[in-house]
Amino acid sequence: MDEVWEMIEHVGQEPLLLWTAAVLSAFLLVGILKRVLSIIVSCAILIILYLVYLTYFEEEFPLPEADVGEWIKIGENWFDSEPEPVLDDNETAFE
């Protein structure tokens, strides 16, 4: 850990290394901000398109209605079902 502090002190004492570290940090920050802003803009465009759909086209092209109660019943049946027996080559299943 002492080597890290020595390197930080060395960079702090050398102005050229300090400027290089600052420029690299600025490039890294700009790259991160570009990615975050592109994600935000993409999400905003998708939300605007969805709101336009809701406003102008939902009556002509309605979204299908989802019956959540039926989904819950399917999930309960799926989790409550017994697993099928796995047979080896020489075994048979007896019921």
Protein backbone atom coordinates (compact mmCIF):
# COMPACT_ATOMS: atom_id res chain seq x y z
CA MET A 1 0.00 0.00 0.00
CA ASP A 2 2.96 2.29 0.56
CA GLU A 3 3.91 1.96 -3.11
CA VAL A 4 0.55 3.44 -4.12
CA TRP A 5 1.05 6.48 -1.89
CA GLU A 6 4.57 6.93 -3.25
CA MET A 7 3.23 6.88 -6.82
CA ILE A 8 0.49 9.41 -5.92
CA GLU A 9 3.09 11.71 -4.34
CA HIS A 10 5.33 11.33 -7.40
CA VAL A 11 2.48 12.22 -9.79
CA GLY A 12 1.56 15.18 -7.57
CA GLN A 13 5.11 16.53 -7.72
CA GLU A 14 5.51 16.22 -11.50
CA PRO A 15 3.38 18.80 -13.37
CA LEU A 16 3.52 16.93 -16.68
CA LEU A 17 2.20 13.72 -15.11
CA LEU A 18 -0.45 15.71 -13.26
CA TRP A 19 -1.68 17.30 -16.52
CA THR A 20 -1.66 13.92 -18.24
CA ALA A 21 -3.73 12.39 -15.45
CA ALA A 22 -6.16 15.32 -15.59
CA VAL A 23 -6.62 15.00 -19.38
CA LEU A 24 -7.15 11.23 -19.15
CA SER A 25 -9.65 11.76 -16.33
CA ALA A 26 -11.50 14.32 -18.45
CA PHE A 27 -11.68 11.88 -21.39
CA LEU A 28 -12.98 9.16 -19.09
CA LEU A 29 -15.60 11.49 -17.59
CA VAL A 30 -16.76 12.64 -21.04
CA GLY A 31 -17.04 9.03 -22.22
CA ILE A 32 -19.11 8.03 -19.21
CA LEU A 33 -21.38 11.07 -19.57
CA LYS A 34 -21.90 10.34 -23.28
CA ARG A 35 -23.01 6.80 -22.51
CA VAL A 36 -25.34 7.88 -19.72
CA LEU A 37 -26.83 10.68 -21.83
CA SER A 38 -27.38 8.34 -24.77
CA ILE A 39 -29.25 5.92 -22.50
CA ILE A 40 -31.36 8.76 -21.09
CA VAL A 41 -32.16 10.10 -24.57
CA SER A 42 -33.09 6.61 -25.82
CA CYS A 43 -35.43 6.07 -22.88
CA ALA A 44 -36.98 9.50 -23.34
CA ILE A 45 -37.62 8.79 -27.04
CA LEU A 46 -39.26 5.46 -26.19
CA ILE A 47 -41.47 7.10 -23.56
CA ILE A 48 -42.49 9.84 -26.00
CA LEU A 49 -43.33 7.26 -28.68
CA TYR A 50 -45.43 5.32 -26.18
CA LEU A 51 -47.29 8.46 -25.13
CA VAL A 52 -47.94 9.32 -28.80
CA TYR A 53 -49.29 5.80 -29.28
CA LEU A 54 -51.57 6.16 -26.27
CA THR A 55 -52.82 9.53 -27.43
CA TYR A 56 -53.45 8.90 -31.13
CA PHE A 57 -53.47 5.19 -31.99
CA GLU A 58 -54.77 3.22 -28.99
CA GLU A 59 -58.38 3.27 -30.21
CA GLU A 60 -57.43 1.86 -33.64
CA PHE A 61 -54.81 -0.61 -32.37
CA PRO A 62 -55.61 -1.53 -28.74
CA LEU A 63 -53.12 -3.39 -26.60
CA PRO A 64 -54.21 -6.89 -25.59
CA GLU A 65 -55.62 -7.09 -22.09
CA ALA A 66 -53.72 -9.29 -19.67
CA ASP A 67 -55.59 -11.43 -17.12
CA VAL A 68 -53.21 -11.45 -14.17
CA GLY A 69 -55.43 -13.84 -12.18
CA GLU A 70 -55.04 -16.47 -14.90
CA TRP A 71 -51.26 -16.03 -14.85
CA ILE A 72 -51.25 -16.55 -11.08
CA LYS A 73 -53.28 -19.77 -11.45
CA ILE A 74 -50.89 -21.05 -14.12
CA GLY A 75 -47.92 -20.27 -11.85
CA GLU A 76 -49.52 -21.99 -8.88
CA ASN A 77 -50.32 -25.09 -10.96
CA TRP A 78 -46.80 -25.13 -12.33
CA PHE A 79 -45.14 -24.92 -8.91
CA ASP A 80 -47.57 -27.39 -7.29
CA SER A 81 -47.15 -30.08 -9.96
CA GLU A 82 -45.09 -33.16 -9.21
CA PRO A 83 -41.92 -33.63 -11.21
CA GLU A 84 -41.90 -36.43 -13.76
CA PRO A 85 -39.66 -39.38 -12.87
CA VAL A 86 -36.35 -39.61 -14.66
CA LEU A 87 -35.68 -43.07 -16.05
CA ASP A 88 -32.32 -44.63 -16.67
CA ASP A 89 -31.75 -47.00 -19.58
CA ASN A 90 -32.63 -50.16 -17.63
CA GLU A 91 -35.37 -48.85 -15.28
CA THR A 92 -39.13 -48.70 -15.73
CA ALA A 93 -41.62 -46.43 -14.00
CA PHE A 94 -44.33 -48.07 -11.84
CA GLU A 95 -47.45 -46.14 -11.06
